[in-house]
Amino acid sequence: MHKDVRKIMRAGSSSFAVVLPRSWLRYYNLGHGDKVEVISNGSVEIKPLEKGGIQAE
């Protein structure tokens, strides 16, 4: 497991974003426009999705 601290940044006038490190994107083979699943249940978890919407193992 890897932990990292990330800042919340403003993205437009009414949205916010968390920027992911490029090394994580390379590791999970993700790029601009790819989708991730965001799960919140007392904590926030971000899971990569494969192209086509099937969850990566």
Protein backbone atom coordinates (compact mmCIF):
# COMPACT_ATOMS: atom_id res chain seq x y z
CA MET A 1 0.00 0.00 0.00
CA HIS A 2 1.17 3.52 -0.77
CA LYS A 3 -0.08 6.64 1.01
CA ASP A 4 0.38 10.19 -0.17
CA VAL A 5 -1.01 13.60 0.80
CA ARG A 6 -2.69 15.51 -2.03
CA LYS A 7 -4.20 19.01 -2.09
CA ILE A 8 -7.75 19.78 -3.13
CA MET A 9 -7.67 22.35 -5.93
CA ARG A 10 -10.36 24.56 -7.42
CA ALA A 11 -11.47 23.43 -10.88
CA GLY A 12 -13.75 26.12 -12.26
CA SER A 13 -16.21 28.18 -10.26
CA SER A 14 -18.12 25.37 -8.51
CA SER A 15 -15.96 22.22 -8.66
CA PHE A 16 -12.83 20.91 -7.00
CA ALA A 17 -10.24 18.32 -8.03
CA VAL A 18 -7.48 16.14 -6.61
CA VAL A 19 -4.46 15.76 -8.90
CA LEU A 20 -2.95 12.27 -9.10
CA PRO A 21 0.80 11.75 -9.57
CA ARG A 22 1.91 10.84 -13.09
CA SER A 23 3.65 7.73 -11.70
CA TRP A 24 0.28 6.42 -10.45
CA LEU A 25 -1.30 7.02 -13.86
CA ARG A 26 1.53 5.11 -15.54
CA TYR A 27 1.30 2.26 -13.01
CA TYR A 28 -2.46 1.84 -13.64
CA ASN A 29 -2.14 2.61 -17.37
CA LEU A 30 -4.50 5.59 -17.09
CA GLY A 31 -4.54 8.75 -19.12
CA HIS A 32 -6.59 11.83 -19.99
CA GLY A 33 -10.27 10.94 -20.34
CA ASP A 34 -10.07 7.54 -18.61
CA LYS A 35 -12.55 6.90 -15.82
CA VAL A 36 -12.03 6.02 -12.17
CA GLU A 37 -14.57 4.87 -9.61
CA VAL A 38 -14.84 7.05 -6.48
CA ILE A 39 -16.27 5.29 -3.41
CA SER A 40 -17.13 7.15 -0.22
CA ASN A 41 -18.20 5.25 2.86
CA GLY A 42 -16.60 7.04 5.81
CA SER A 43 -13.43 7.40 3.73
CA VAL A 44 -12.76 8.07 0.04
CA GLU A 45 -11.33 5.39 -2.23
CA ILE A 46 -10.38 5.87 -5.90
CA LYS A 47 -10.26 2.73 -8.06
CA PRO A 48 -9.10 2.59 -11.67
CA LEU A 49 -11.49 1.25 -14.29
CA GLU A 50 -10.29 -0.51 -17.39
CA LYS A 51 -11.36 0.87 -20.71
CA GLY A 52 -14.91 -0.33 -21.28
CA GLY A 53 -15.94 0.20 -17.65
CA ILE A 54 -14.76 -3.11 -16.15
CA GLN A 55 -12.98 -2.72 -12.84
CA ALA A 56 -9.24 -3.41 -12.86
CA GLU A 57 -8.01 -6.23 -10.65
